[in-house]
Amino acid sequence: MSESIMHMGPMLVLAGLLVAWLAEVVSRDGGYGYNLDMAVGLAGSVIAGSLVWVFFSGIGMPLMFGSGCAGAMLAIGAQRGLWRSARLA
């Protein structure tokens, strides 16, 4: 079990950082800052990757990277959508 975590953990961190960096590059004007995007991307990646790993324990590294990217994208998208609506209200 700890061996799987040691192999999958860096994939999730890499996925979260990559998606957060891409979000900052693509939407530089509408973003909330590099540090906040990195924190939200890492959190989303780790949470989504952990959930996928719990439900599908035999998943490989490329699929774990993909699930980490998907989780980071969802987290950053949700954060930007919710934060924007809170600012306008």
Protein backbone atom coordinates (compact mmCIF):
# COMPACT_ATOMS: atom_id res chain seq x y z
CA MET A 1 0.00 0.00 0.00
CA SER A 2 2.72 2.49 0.90
CA GLU A 3 4.55 1.59 -2.31
CA SER A 4 1.49 2.59 -4.34
CA ILE A 5 1.24 5.87 -2.50
CA MET A 6 4.92 6.55 -3.13
CA HIS A 7 4.40 5.98 -6.86
CA MET A 8 1.05 7.71 -7.28
CA GLY A 9 1.69 10.72 -5.03
CA PRO A 10 4.20 12.42 -7.34
CA MET A 11 1.83 11.90 -10.28
CA LEU A 12 -0.93 13.73 -8.43
CA VAL A 13 1.36 16.58 -7.41
CA LEU A 14 2.67 16.92 -10.96
CA ALA A 15 -0.86 16.88 -12.38
CA GLY A 16 -2.08 19.53 -9.95
CA LEU A 17 0.85 21.85 -10.59
CA LEU A 18 0.63 21.42 -14.37
CA VAL A 19 -3.08 22.17 -14.53
CA ALA A 20 -2.73 25.16 -12.19
CA TRP A 21 0.11 26.56 -14.28
CA LEU A 22 -1.92 26.10 -17.47
CA ALA A 23 -4.94 27.79 -15.87
CA GLU A 24 -2.79 30.75 -14.92
CA VAL A 25 -1.24 30.99 -18.40
CA VAL A 26 -4.53 30.66 -20.28
CA SER A 27 -6.57 33.05 -18.13
CA ARG A 28 -3.97 35.47 -16.85
CA ASP A 29 -6.43 38.39 -16.75
CA GLY A 30 -9.27 36.53 -15.02
CA GLY A 31 -7.21 34.58 -12.52
CA TYR A 32 -6.89 35.02 -8.77
CA GLY A 33 -3.16 34.63 -8.53
CA TYR A 34 -0.51 32.02 -9.10
CA ASN A 35 -0.30 30.84 -5.49
CA LEU A 36 -4.05 30.38 -5.08
CA ASP A 37 -4.28 28.47 -8.36
CA MET A 38 -1.42 26.20 -7.26
CA ALA A 39 -3.01 25.48 -3.88
CA VAL A 40 -6.45 24.76 -5.34
CA GLY A 41 -4.96 22.65 -8.14
CA LEU A 42 -2.93 20.56 -5.71
CA ALA A 43 -5.88 20.05 -3.39
CA GLY A 44 -8.21 19.06 -6.23
CA SER A 45 -5.65 16.70 -7.70
CA VAL A 46 -4.93 14.94 -4.43
CA ILE A 47 -8.60 14.62 -3.48
CA ALA A 48 -9.67 13.30 -6.88
CA GLY A 49 -6.68 10.97 -7.12
CA SER A 50 -7.33 9.61 -3.64
CA LEU A 51 -10.97 8.93 -4.45
CA VAL A 52 -10.08 7.21 -7.70
CA TRP A 53 -7.39 5.17 -5.96
CA VAL A 54 -9.82 4.04 -3.24
CA PHE A 55 -12.50 2.93 -5.69
CA PHE A 56 -10.20 1.57 -8.42
CA SER A 57 -7.11 0.27 -6.63
CA GLY A 58 -5.54 -1.35 -9.72
CA ILE A 59 -5.30 1.88 -11.69
CA GLY A 60 -2.01 2.67 -13.46
CA MET A 61 0.14 5.77 -13.44
CA PRO A 62 -1.18 7.36 -16.67
CA LEU A 63 -4.77 7.02 -15.48
CA MET A 64 -3.81 8.40 -12.07
CA PHE A 65 -2.19 11.38 -13.79
CA GLY A 66 -5.37 11.86 -15.84
CA SER A 67 -7.60 11.68 -12.79
CA GLY A 68 -5.34 14.18 -11.02
CA CYS A 69 -5.60 16.56 -13.97
CA ALA A 70 -9.38 16.18 -14.05
CA GLY A 71 -9.65 16.82 -10.32
CA ALA A 72 -7.45 19.91 -10.52
CA MET A 73 -9.45 21.27 -13.46
CA LEU A 74 -12.71 20.74 -11.61
CA ALA A 75 -11.38 22.36 -8.44
CA ILE A 76 -9.97 25.42 -10.22
CA GLY A 77 -13.10 25.81 -12.33
CA ALA A 78 -15.36 25.52 -9.28
CA GLN A 79 -13.24 27.95 -7.29
CA ARG A 80 -13.30 30.54 -10.03
CA GLY A 81 -17.03 30.14 -10.59
CA LEU A 82 -17.92 30.31 -6.90
CA TRP A 83 -15.53 33.11 -6.07
CA ARG A 84 -16.81 35.26 -8.95
CA SER A 85 -20.44 34.85 -7.85
CA ALA A 86 -19.51 35.73 -4.26
CA ARG A 87 -17.80 38.92 -5.43
CA LEU A 88 -20.79 40.10 -7.46
CA ALA A 89 -23.32 39.44 -4.71
